[in-house]
Structure formats: C-alpha cells, structure tokens
Amino acid sequence: MDTVALVPAAGRGTRLGAGVPKALVRVLGQSLLSRAVRGLLDSGSVGHVVVAAAPDQLDLMGREVRDLGERVHVVPGGGERTDSVRTALRAADRLVPSAEIVLVHDAARAFTPARVIRDVVAAVERGAPAVVPTLSVADTIKRVDDEGVVAETVDRSRLRTVQTPQGFTVDVLREAYGAAGEVATDDAGLVERLGYPVETVAGHTNALKVTTSFDLAVAEAVLAAGPVELPESRVDTLGHSNDTGSDAPERCGDES
C-alpha cells in the first residue's frame, strides 16, 4: 500500500524559547524538521511526506527539506495543528492520490526509530483503521481534588502515553477530520469519537517530543548514542496491555 506522511510544522514552539519555529531548531547541525522527514523516508515504509508550514515560513521550511528530493512537499498550514493536518491531508489527496495509508508525525519527535514507523504502517496494512505507538506509564499517577489533596491512586497498568507517527487508512482520517469541529491535539482521538478501534504498537523512549530546552539536551544525547534497531512488536487494541504486567518494562522501549 502507498503511504504518505503528514508533518504539521506551523507551530512557533514558544515553550522551547529558541527564537525560531520549533521545527527549525537544530540539533548538531540539522533541524528537527529535516531529521523527522528523513527518518520517515529512510524507514522504507513512507513514499511521500507533506509538510504543513506557517505561510510566512514556506520558503524557509522548503530549504530545510530541499535535499530530500521530490517526494517531500511543503504546503501552507493553519493557525492550529488541526488546521495544518486538515490542509496537509487535502494536499496529499491531490499530490499522492494513490495513497491508502496516511501517517501524522510530529517534527518534534525527530528521533523516532525506523522500526516504530514500520510497525505502525504494517499494522494498518494488516487491517487496523488506526494505530498509535505507546509506552507504559512509569510514574505513579494520582488523581487530586480541587484543593490539590490526593483523592485516588490510579491503576497505571492500563494507562499509556502516546507517541507519533499515528497511522490511519486514508478514508478513516478523512472521515475523522470531516467530522472534527474543534481544535484537537491527538488525531487518534478524533477517530475514537467515530467509534473506530485504535490499535497500539510499542513505542520507544527515543521518540521523545522536544518541547523544552531540557528535552533538546536529551535529544542531543540520544543522537550521540547512535541509531537504534528494535525487535518486532505486537499489535494490541488501545486499552489492552502490550507488556507482561503493570510494572514490566515496555517491550522495545521502556528503559526505566
């Protein structure tokens, strides 16, 4: 199946405080955007990438990915992430009409191992309408009341943190965005509202999201560690454990 990846990169990244859009922040000489797009293409599972950039950053973003070839397309994004994904999806329909699988990937997760990308695509190819990579929750989670007093210690065995790329059949993501009426930060959440099952594959700690200066320092350390290859992961349904117990390390990535 032909696969196209959408990379919403129109955000300003103010929390990082770098003075440039987060996608253009450099780690050892290369921008997060170029690393993320190259990682998608190098996975061997993605045929084309559509980057949604802020309208006033189109030329700059285009220069960042120019050396990656004609399979990368830069289009104007929107004011919110939801708008950028929607416009990138419409562009993908026009630019890659043969695509049957679509990924949505954060440029800030520029160090996602290739195996995670391949696992997401493979799960959609096997028939899943939507797939997300996840990690087990390592910290104890407590629910508090309005005064900040602990009301409950939450069972973390069924909790997961979600990463990208998230994968979908093109028809399902089109339907989800056609029905979306408000801002959303999680594409799979839009699909869940329509009643489709969202399956999971094992994520990886290297797929951290660069949001703060601390994250950036960690990313540089991850890069210095070299490439990561992961064993095959199994697909599960969202809400079901993909490890051996509530405190077991997440296969392919929980390094607590």
C-alpha atoms as a PDB file:
ATOM      1  CA  MET A   1       0.000   0.000   0.000  1.00  0.00           C
ATOM      2  CA  ASP A   2       1.202   3.532  -0.774  1.00  0.00           C
ATOM      3  CA  THR A   3       1.852   5.558   2.371  1.00  0.00           C
ATOM      4  CA  VAL A   4       2.044   9.325   2.786  1.00  0.00           C
ATOM      5  CA  ALA A   5       3.123  11.070   5.990  1.00  0.00           C
ATOM      6  CA  LEU A   6       1.793  14.442   7.125  1.00  0.00           C
ATOM      7  CA  VAL A   7       4.065  16.618   9.275  1.00  0.00           C
ATOM      8  CA  PRO A   8       2.304  19.642  10.820  1.00  0.00           C
ATOM      9  CA  ALA A   9       5.138  22.144  11.353  1.00  0.00           C
ATOM     10  CA  ALA A  10       3.405  25.522  11.523  1.00  0.00           C
ATOM     11  CA  GLY A  11       3.754  25.932  15.282  1.00  0.00           C
ATOM     12  CA  ARG A  12       6.001  28.595  16.821  1.00  0.00           C
ATOM     13  CA  GLY A  13       7.350  26.446  19.645  1.00  0.00           C
ATOM     14  CA  THR A  14       7.358  29.255  22.201  1.00  0.00           C
ATOM     15  CA  ARG A  15       7.924  26.887  25.141  1.00  0.00           C
ATOM     16  CA  LEU A  16      11.297  25.926  23.703  1.00  0.00           C
ATOM     17  CA  GLY A  17      12.363  29.585  23.670  1.00  0.00           C
ATOM     18  CA  ALA A  18      14.728  29.144  20.725  1.00  0.00           C
ATOM     19  CA  GLY A  19      13.639  32.262  18.850  1.00  0.00           C
ATOM     20  CA  VAL A  20      12.715  30.230  15.746  1.00  0.00           C
ATOM     21  CA  PRO A  21       9.872  27.805  14.969  1.00  0.00           C
ATOM     22  CA  LYS A  22      10.499  24.553  16.817  1.00  0.00           C
ATOM     23  CA  ALA A  23      10.726  22.552  13.592  1.00  0.00           C
ATOM     24  CA  LEU A  24      13.744  24.664  12.581  1.00  0.00           C
ATOM     25  CA  VAL A  25      15.663  24.196  15.836  1.00  0.00           C
ATOM     26  CA  ARG A  26      18.969  22.496  15.078  1.00  0.00           C
ATOM     27  CA  VAL A  27      20.467  19.512  16.830  1.00  0.00           C
ATOM     28  CA  LEU A  28      24.114  19.017  15.922  1.00  0.00           C
ATOM     29  CA  GLY A  29      23.684  20.983  12.716  1.00  0.00           C
ATOM     30  CA  GLN A  30      20.397  19.577  11.409  1.00  0.00           C
ATOM     31  CA  SER A  31      16.895  20.870  12.050  1.00  0.00           C
ATOM     32  CA  LEU A  32      14.271  18.778  13.804  1.00  0.00           C
ATOM     33  CA  LEU A  33      12.168  19.021  10.637  1.00  0.00           C
ATOM     34  CA  SER A  34      14.840  17.644   8.316  1.00  0.00           C
ATOM     35  CA  ARG A  35      15.647  14.844  10.763  1.00  0.00           C
ATOM     36  CA  ALA A  36      11.988  13.879  11.157  1.00  0.00           C
ATOM     37  CA  VAL A  37      11.293  13.878   7.413  1.00  0.00           C
ATOM     38  CA  ARG A  38      14.483  11.967   6.634  1.00  0.00           C
ATOM     39  CA  GLY A  39      13.588   9.403   9.290  1.00  0.00           C
ATOM     40  CA  LEU A  40      10.186   8.826   7.703  1.00  0.00           C
ATOM     41  CA  LEU A  41      11.660   8.311   4.245  1.00  0.00           C
ATOM     42  CA  ASP A  42      14.576   6.209   5.472  1.00  0.00           C
ATOM     43  CA  SER A  43      12.180   3.840   7.248  1.00  0.00           C
ATOM     44  CA  GLY A  44      11.369   2.350   3.848  1.00  0.00           C
ATOM     45  CA  SER A  45       7.639   2.428   4.597  1.00  0.00           C
ATOM     46  CA  VAL A  46       6.789   6.004   3.538  1.00  0.00           C
ATOM     47  CA  GLY A  47       6.599   7.083  -0.082  1.00  0.00           C
ATOM     48  CA  HIS A  48       5.847  10.798   0.291  1.00  0.00           C
ATOM     49  CA  VAL A  49       5.877  13.420   3.040  1.00  0.00           C
ATOM     50  CA  VAL A  50       3.692  16.532   3.137  1.00  0.00           C
ATOM     51  CA  VAL A  51       4.930  19.260   5.497  1.00  0.00           C
ATOM     52  CA  ALA A  52       2.447  21.928   6.607  1.00  0.00           C
ATOM     53  CA  ALA A  53       4.394  25.129   7.346  1.00  0.00           C
ATOM     54  CA  ALA A  54       3.338  28.572   8.531  1.00  0.00           C
ATOM     55  CA  PRO A  55       2.568  30.665   5.432  1.00  0.00           C
ATOM     56  CA  ASP A  56       5.388  33.093   6.224  1.00  0.00           C
ATOM     57  CA  GLN A  57       7.846  30.201   6.655  1.00  0.00           C
ATOM     58  CA  LEU A  58       7.176  28.309   3.416  1.00  0.00           C
ATOM     59  CA  ASP A  59      10.457  29.209   1.705  1.00  0.00           C
ATOM     60  CA  LEU A  60      12.487  28.610   4.848  1.00  0.00           C
ATOM     61  CA  MET A  61      10.897  25.230   5.522  1.00  0.00           C
ATOM     62  CA  GLY A  62      11.268  24.325   1.868  1.00  0.00           C
ATOM     63  CA  ARG A  63      15.003  24.947   2.009  1.00  0.00           C
ATOM     64  CA  GLU A  64      15.291  22.678   5.042  1.00  0.00           C
ATOM     65  CA  VAL A  65      13.981  19.656   3.129  1.00  0.00           C
ATOM     66  CA  ARG A  66      15.074  20.520  -0.406  1.00  0.00           C
ATOM     67  CA  ASP A  67      17.896  17.970  -0.405  1.00  0.00           C
ATOM     68  CA  LEU A  68      15.461  15.159   0.431  1.00  0.00           C
ATOM     69  CA  GLY A  69      14.058  15.097  -3.083  1.00  0.00           C
ATOM     70  CA  GLU A  70      10.774  15.370  -4.921  1.00  0.00           C
ATOM     71  CA  ARG A  71       8.916  13.072  -2.533  1.00  0.00           C
ATOM     72  CA  VAL A  72       8.753  15.878   0.032  1.00  0.00           C
ATOM     73  CA  HIS A  73       6.139  18.613  -0.416  1.00  0.00           C
ATOM     74  CA  VAL A  74       5.758  21.795   1.646  1.00  0.00           C
ATOM     75  CA  VAL A  75       2.307  23.401   1.789  1.00  0.00           C
ATOM     76  CA  PRO A  76       0.781  26.248   3.841  1.00  0.00           C
ATOM     77  CA  GLY A  77      -0.502  25.184   7.245  1.00  0.00           C
ATOM     78  CA  GLY A  78      -3.101  26.756   9.526  1.00  0.00           C
ATOM     79  CA  GLY A  79      -3.299  28.603  12.794  1.00  0.00           C
ATOM     80  CA  GLU A  80      -3.932  25.419  14.813  1.00  0.00           C
ATOM     81  CA  ARG A  81      -2.490  21.938  14.493  1.00  0.00           C
ATOM     82  CA  THR A  82      -5.893  20.621  13.438  1.00  0.00           C
ATOM     83  CA  ASP A  83      -5.977  23.131  10.578  1.00  0.00           C
ATOM     84  CA  SER A  84      -2.479  22.139   9.455  1.00  0.00           C
ATOM     85  CA  VAL A  85      -3.274  18.423   9.400  1.00  0.00           C
ATOM     86  CA  ARG A  86      -6.502  19.080   7.516  1.00  0.00           C
ATOM     87  CA  THR A  87      -4.783  21.182   4.836  1.00  0.00           C
ATOM     88  CA  ALA A  88      -1.901  18.691   4.555  1.00  0.00           C
ATOM     89  CA  LEU A  89      -4.393  15.855   4.108  1.00  0.00           C
ATOM     90  CA  ARG A  90      -6.144  17.737   1.322  1.00  0.00           C
ATOM     91  CA  ALA A  91      -2.785  18.380  -0.327  1.00  0.00           C
ATOM     92  CA  ALA A  92      -1.877  14.703  -0.021  1.00  0.00           C
ATOM     93  CA  ASP A  93      -5.115  13.723  -1.760  1.00  0.00           C
ATOM     94  CA  ARG A  94      -4.040  15.907  -4.672  1.00  0.00           C
ATOM     95  CA  LEU A  95      -0.308  15.127  -4.694  1.00  0.00           C
ATOM     96  CA  VAL A  96      -0.443  11.408  -3.885  1.00  0.00           C
ATOM     97  CA  PRO A  97      -3.888  10.185  -5.000  1.00  0.00           C
ATOM     98  CA  SER A  98      -2.766   6.546  -4.828  1.00  0.00           C
ATOM     99  CA  ALA A  99      -2.040   6.677  -1.095  1.00  0.00           C
ATOM    100  CA  GLU A 100      -4.062   4.256   1.025  1.00  0.00           C
ATOM    101  CA  ILE A 101      -2.289   4.810   4.345  1.00  0.00           C
ATOM    102  CA  VAL A 102      -1.596   8.156   5.989  1.00  0.00           C
ATOM    103  CA  LEU A 103       0.679   8.880   8.947  1.00  0.00           C
ATOM    104  CA  VAL A 104       0.620  12.013  11.086  1.00  0.00           C
ATOM    105  CA  HIS A 105       4.003  12.704  12.672  1.00  0.00           C
ATOM    106  CA  ASP A 106       5.372  15.464  14.894  1.00  0.00           C
ATOM    107  CA  ALA A 107       8.547  17.140  13.663  1.00  0.00           C
ATOM    108  CA  ALA A 108       9.432  17.435  17.362  1.00  0.00           C
ATOM    109  CA  ARG A 109       9.728  13.614  17.518  1.00  0.00           C
ATOM    110  CA  ALA A 110      12.675  13.710  15.147  1.00  0.00           C
ATOM    111  CA  PHE A 111      14.488  10.717  16.643  1.00  0.00           C
ATOM    112  CA  THR A 112      11.743   8.132  16.294  1.00  0.00           C
ATOM    113  CA  PRO A 113      13.390   4.812  15.384  1.00  0.00           C
ATOM    114  CA  ALA A 114      12.592   3.415  11.941  1.00  0.00           C
ATOM    115  CA  ARG A 115      11.146   0.239  13.421  1.00  0.00           C
ATOM    116  CA  VAL A 116       8.381   2.190  15.174  1.00  0.00           C
ATOM    117  CA  ILE A 117       7.394   3.779  11.853  1.00  0.00           C
ATOM    118  CA  ARG A 118       7.443   0.413  10.096  1.00  0.00           C
ATOM    119  CA  ASP A 119       5.370  -1.218  12.850  1.00  0.00           C
ATOM    120  CA  VAL A 120       2.673   1.459  12.580  1.00  0.00           C
ATOM    121  CA  VAL A 121       2.448   1.083   8.803  1.00  0.00           C
ATOM    122  CA  ALA A 122       2.442  -2.722   8.999  1.00  0.00           C
ATOM    123  CA  ALA A 123      -0.445  -2.683  11.473  1.00  0.00           C
ATOM    124  CA  VAL A 124      -2.572  -0.571   9.123  1.00  0.00           C
ATOM    125  CA  GLU A 125      -1.628  -2.847   6.241  1.00  0.00           C
ATOM    126  CA  ARG A 126      -2.943  -5.784   8.284  1.00  0.00           C
ATOM    127  CA  GLY A 127      -6.331  -4.091   8.543  1.00  0.00           C
ATOM    128  CA  ALA A 128      -6.280  -1.729  11.522  1.00  0.00           C
ATOM    129  CA  PRO A 129      -8.178   1.507  10.791  1.00  0.00           C
ATOM    130  CA  ALA A 130      -5.981   3.444  13.220  1.00  0.00           C
ATOM    131  CA  VAL A 131      -2.720   2.710  15.056  1.00  0.00           C
ATOM    132  CA  VAL A 132      -0.644   4.605  17.638  1.00  0.00           C
ATOM    133  CA  PRO A 133       2.747   3.822  19.209  1.00  0.00           C
ATOM    134  CA  THR A 134       2.625   3.821  23.006  1.00  0.00           C
ATOM    135  CA  LEU A 135       4.734   3.446  26.131  1.00  0.00           C
ATOM    136  CA  SER A 136       3.721   2.160  29.538  1.00  0.00           C
ATOM    137  CA  VAL A 137       3.422   4.807  32.247  1.00  0.00           C
ATOM    138  CA  ALA A 138       6.472   4.590  34.504  1.00  0.00           C
ATOM    139  CA  ASP A 139       5.430   7.062  37.222  1.00  0.00           C
ATOM    140  CA  THR A 140       2.806   6.571  39.901  1.00  0.00           C
ATOM    141  CA  ILE A 141      -0.318   8.534  38.937  1.00  0.00           C
ATOM    142  CA  LYS A 142      -2.621  10.183  41.483  1.00  0.00           C
ATOM    143  CA  ARG A 143      -5.925  11.971  40.976  1.00  0.00           C
ATOM    144  CA  VAL A 144      -6.389  15.060  43.165  1.00  0.00           C
ATOM    145  CA  ASP A 145      -9.410  17.128  44.186  1.00  0.00           C
ATOM    146  CA  ASP A 146      -9.929  20.874  43.674  1.00  0.00           C
ATOM    147  CA  GLU A 147      -7.766  21.643  46.723  1.00  0.00           C
ATOM    148  CA  GLY A 148      -4.880  19.504  45.480  1.00  0.00           C
ATOM    149  CA  VAL A 149      -5.478  16.728  48.004  1.00  0.00           C
ATOM    150  CA  VAL A 150      -4.961  13.196  46.711  1.00  0.00           C
ATOM    151  CA  ALA A 151      -8.309  11.557  46.029  1.00  0.00           C
ATOM    152  CA  GLU A 152      -7.131   8.347  44.381  1.00  0.00           C
ATOM    153  CA  THR A 153      -4.044   6.462  43.258  1.00  0.00           C
ATOM    154  CA  VAL A 154      -4.778   5.455  39.672  1.00  0.00           C
ATOM    155  CA  ASP A 155      -4.044   1.949  38.409  1.00  0.00           C
ATOM    156  CA  ARG A 156      -1.393   2.620  35.764  1.00  0.00           C
ATOM    157  CA  SER A 157      -1.403  -0.892  34.269  1.00  0.00           C
ATOM    158  CA  ARG A 158      -3.988   0.191  31.670  1.00  0.00           C
ATOM    159  CA  LEU A 159      -2.505   3.648  31.022  1.00  0.00           C
ATOM    160  CA  ARG A 160      -0.296   4.518  28.065  1.00  0.00           C
ATOM    161  CA  THR A 161       1.494   7.600  26.791  1.00  0.00           C
ATOM    162  CA  VAL A 162       1.023   8.064  23.058  1.00  0.00           C
ATOM    163  CA  GLN A 163       3.685   8.980  20.504  1.00  0.00           C
ATOM    164  CA  THR A 164       3.799   9.551  16.757  1.00  0.00           C
ATOM    165  CA  PRO A 165       3.613   8.666  13.945  1.00  0.00           C
ATOM    166  CA  GLN A 166      -0.031   7.767  14.244  1.00  0.00           C
ATOM    167  CA  GLY A 167      -1.277   5.738  11.300  1.00  0.00           C
ATOM    168  CA  PHE A 168      -4.663   5.534   9.598  1.00  0.00           C
ATOM    169  CA  THR A 169      -6.358   4.394   6.462  1.00  0.00           C
ATOM    170  CA  VAL A 170      -6.874   7.472   4.325  1.00  0.00           C
ATOM    171  CA  ASP A 171     -10.645   7.081   4.344  1.00  0.00           C
ATOM    172  CA  VAL A 172     -10.821   6.913   8.147  1.00  0.00           C
ATOM    173  CA  LEU A 173      -8.677  10.011   8.684  1.00  0.00           C
ATOM    174  CA  ARG A 174     -10.674  11.924   6.055  1.00  0.00           C
ATOM    175  CA  GLU A 175     -13.881  10.981   7.850  1.00  0.00           C
ATOM    176  CA  ALA A 176     -12.452  11.980  11.226  1.00  0.00           C
ATOM    177  CA  TYR A 177     -11.345  15.401  10.022  1.00  0.00           C
ATOM    178  CA  GLY A 178     -14.592  15.912   8.164  1.00  0.00           C
ATOM    179  CA  ALA A 179     -16.420  15.466  11.464  1.00  0.00           C
ATOM    180  CA  ALA A 180     -13.941  17.438  13.600  1.00  0.00           C
ATOM    181  CA  GLY A 181     -15.407  20.737  14.690  1.00  0.00           C
ATOM    182  CA  GLU A 182     -12.858  21.905  17.217  1.00  0.00           C
ATOM    183  CA  VAL A 183      -9.142  22.005  17.951  1.00  0.00           C
ATOM    184  CA  ALA A 184      -7.609  18.594  18.651  1.00  0.00           C
ATOM    185  CA  THR A 185      -4.061  17.680  19.626  1.00  0.00           C
ATOM    186  CA  ASP A 186      -4.469  13.943  19.036  1.00  0.00           C
ATOM    187  CA  ASP A 187      -5.572  12.616  15.660  1.00  0.00           C
ATOM    188  CA  ALA A 188      -6.450   9.191  17.033  1.00  0.00           C
ATOM    189  CA  GLY A 189      -8.828  10.902  19.449  1.00  0.00           C
ATOM    190  CA  LEU A 190     -10.849  12.180  16.504  1.00  0.00           C
ATOM    191  CA  VAL A 191     -11.049   8.652  15.133  1.00  0.00           C
ATOM    192  CA  GLU A 192     -12.109   7.267  18.525  1.00  0.00           C
ATOM    193  CA  ARG A 193     -15.082   9.655  18.570  1.00  0.00           C
ATOM    194  CA  LEU A 194     -16.363   7.984  15.418  1.00  0.00           C
ATOM    195  CA  GLY A 195     -16.277   4.576  17.103  1.00  0.00           C
ATOM    196  CA  TYR A 196     -13.328   3.060  15.250  1.00  0.00           C
ATOM    197  CA  PRO A 197     -10.915   0.887  17.263  1.00  0.00           C
ATOM    198  CA  VAL A 198      -7.422   2.321  17.711  1.00  0.00           C
ATOM    199  CA  GLU A 199      -4.719  -0.330  17.947  1.00  0.00           C
ATOM    200  CA  THR A 200      -1.291   0.102  19.516  1.00  0.00           C
ATOM    201  CA  VAL A 201       2.273  -0.897  18.771  1.00  0.00           C
ATOM    202  CA  ALA A 202       5.236  -0.498  21.090  1.00  0.00           C
ATOM    203  CA  GLY A 203       6.784   2.952  21.016  1.00  0.00           C
ATOM    204  CA  HIS A 204      10.292   3.884  22.083  1.00  0.00           C
ATOM    205  CA  THR A 205      11.834   6.328  24.532  1.00  0.00           C
ATOM    206  CA  ASN A 206      13.965   7.751  21.702  1.00  0.00           C
ATOM    207  CA  ALA A 207      10.767   9.111  20.165  1.00  0.00           C
ATOM    208  CA  LEU A 208      10.634  11.819  22.826  1.00  0.00           C
ATOM    209  CA  LYS A 209       8.898  15.063  21.932  1.00  0.00           C
ATOM    210  CA  VAL A 210      11.228  18.066  22.031  1.00  0.00           C
ATOM    211  CA  THR A 211       9.228  20.741  23.858  1.00  0.00           C
ATOM    212  CA  THR A 212      11.644  22.333  26.341  1.00  0.00           C
ATOM    213  CA  SER A 213      15.356  23.116  26.460  1.00  0.00           C
ATOM    214  CA  PHE A 214      15.798  20.062  28.685  1.00  0.00           C
ATOM    215  CA  ASP A 215      14.193  17.881  26.002  1.00  0.00           C
ATOM    216  CA  LEU A 216      16.597  19.384  23.475  1.00  0.00           C
ATOM    217  CA  ALA A 217      19.581  18.418  25.632  1.00  0.00           C
ATOM    218  CA  VAL A 218      18.198  14.889  25.958  1.00  0.00           C
ATOM    219  CA  ALA A 219      17.710  14.723  22.193  1.00  0.00           C
ATOM    220  CA  GLU A 220      21.351  15.579  21.627  1.00  0.00           C
ATOM    221  CA  ALA A 221      22.324  12.774  23.984  1.00  0.00           C
ATOM    222  CA  VAL A 222      20.035  10.357  22.136  1.00  0.00           C
ATOM    223  CA  LEU A 223      21.579  11.331  18.816  1.00  0.00           C
ATOM    224  CA  ALA A 224      25.084  10.813  20.198  1.00  0.00           C
ATOM    225  CA  ALA A 225      24.096   7.281  21.206  1.00  0.00           C
ATOM    226  CA  GLY A 226      23.709   6.301  17.551  1.00  0.00           C
ATOM    227  CA  PRO A 227      20.935   4.525  15.625  1.00  0.00           C
ATOM    228  CA  VAL A 228      18.533   2.197  17.384  1.00  0.00           C
ATOM    229  CA  GLU A 229      17.106  -1.010  15.952  1.00  0.00           C
ATOM    230  CA  LEU A 230      14.159  -2.606  17.713  1.00  0.00           C
ATOM    231  CA  PRO A 231      12.754  -6.135  17.742  1.00  0.00           C
ATOM    232  CA  GLU A 232       9.349  -6.750  16.246  1.00  0.00           C
ATOM    233  CA  SER A 233       6.429  -5.541  18.392  1.00  0.00           C
ATOM    234  CA  ARG A 234       2.937  -6.959  18.555  1.00  0.00           C
ATOM    235  CA  VAL A 235      -0.234  -5.042  17.824  1.00  0.00           C
ATOM    236  CA  ASP A 236      -2.867  -4.704  20.540  1.00  0.00           C
ATOM    237  CA  THR A 237      -6.120  -2.805  20.946  1.00  0.00           C
ATOM    238  CA  LEU A 238      -5.959   0.540  22.741  1.00  0.00           C
ATOM    239  CA  GLY A 239      -6.599  -0.036  26.419  1.00  0.00           C
ATOM    240  CA  HIS A 240      -5.033  -3.504  26.493  1.00  0.00           C
ATOM    241  CA  SER A 241      -1.559  -4.065  27.886  1.00  0.00           C
ATOM    242  CA  ASN A 242       1.272  -4.783  25.478  1.00  0.00           C
ATOM    243  CA  ASP A 243       3.652  -5.776  28.239  1.00  0.00           C
ATOM    244  CA  THR A 244       3.725  -8.574  30.791  1.00  0.00           C
ATOM    245  CA  GLY A 245       2.452  -6.659  33.809  1.00  0.00           C
ATOM    246  CA  SER A 246       1.728  -3.262  35.317  1.00  0.00           C
ATOM    247  CA  ASP A 247       5.348  -2.674  36.267  1.00  0.00           C
ATOM    248  CA  ALA A 248       7.014  -4.651  33.495  1.00  0.00           C
ATOM    249  CA  PRO A 249       9.241  -2.686  31.105  1.00  0.00           C
ATOM    250  CA  GLU A 250       7.535  -1.786  27.845  1.00  0.00           C
ATOM    251  CA  ARG A 251       8.916  -4.028  25.151  1.00  0.00           C
ATOM    252  CA  CYS A 252      11.007  -2.052  22.682  1.00  0.00           C
ATOM    253  CA  GLY A 253      11.458   0.998  24.758  1.00  0.00           C
ATOM    254  CA  ASP A 254      10.708   1.397  28.452  1.00  0.00           C
ATOM    255  CA  GLU A 255      14.141   1.907  29.913  1.00  0.00           C
ATOM    256  CA  SER A 256      13.146   2.850  33.463  1.00  0.00           C
END
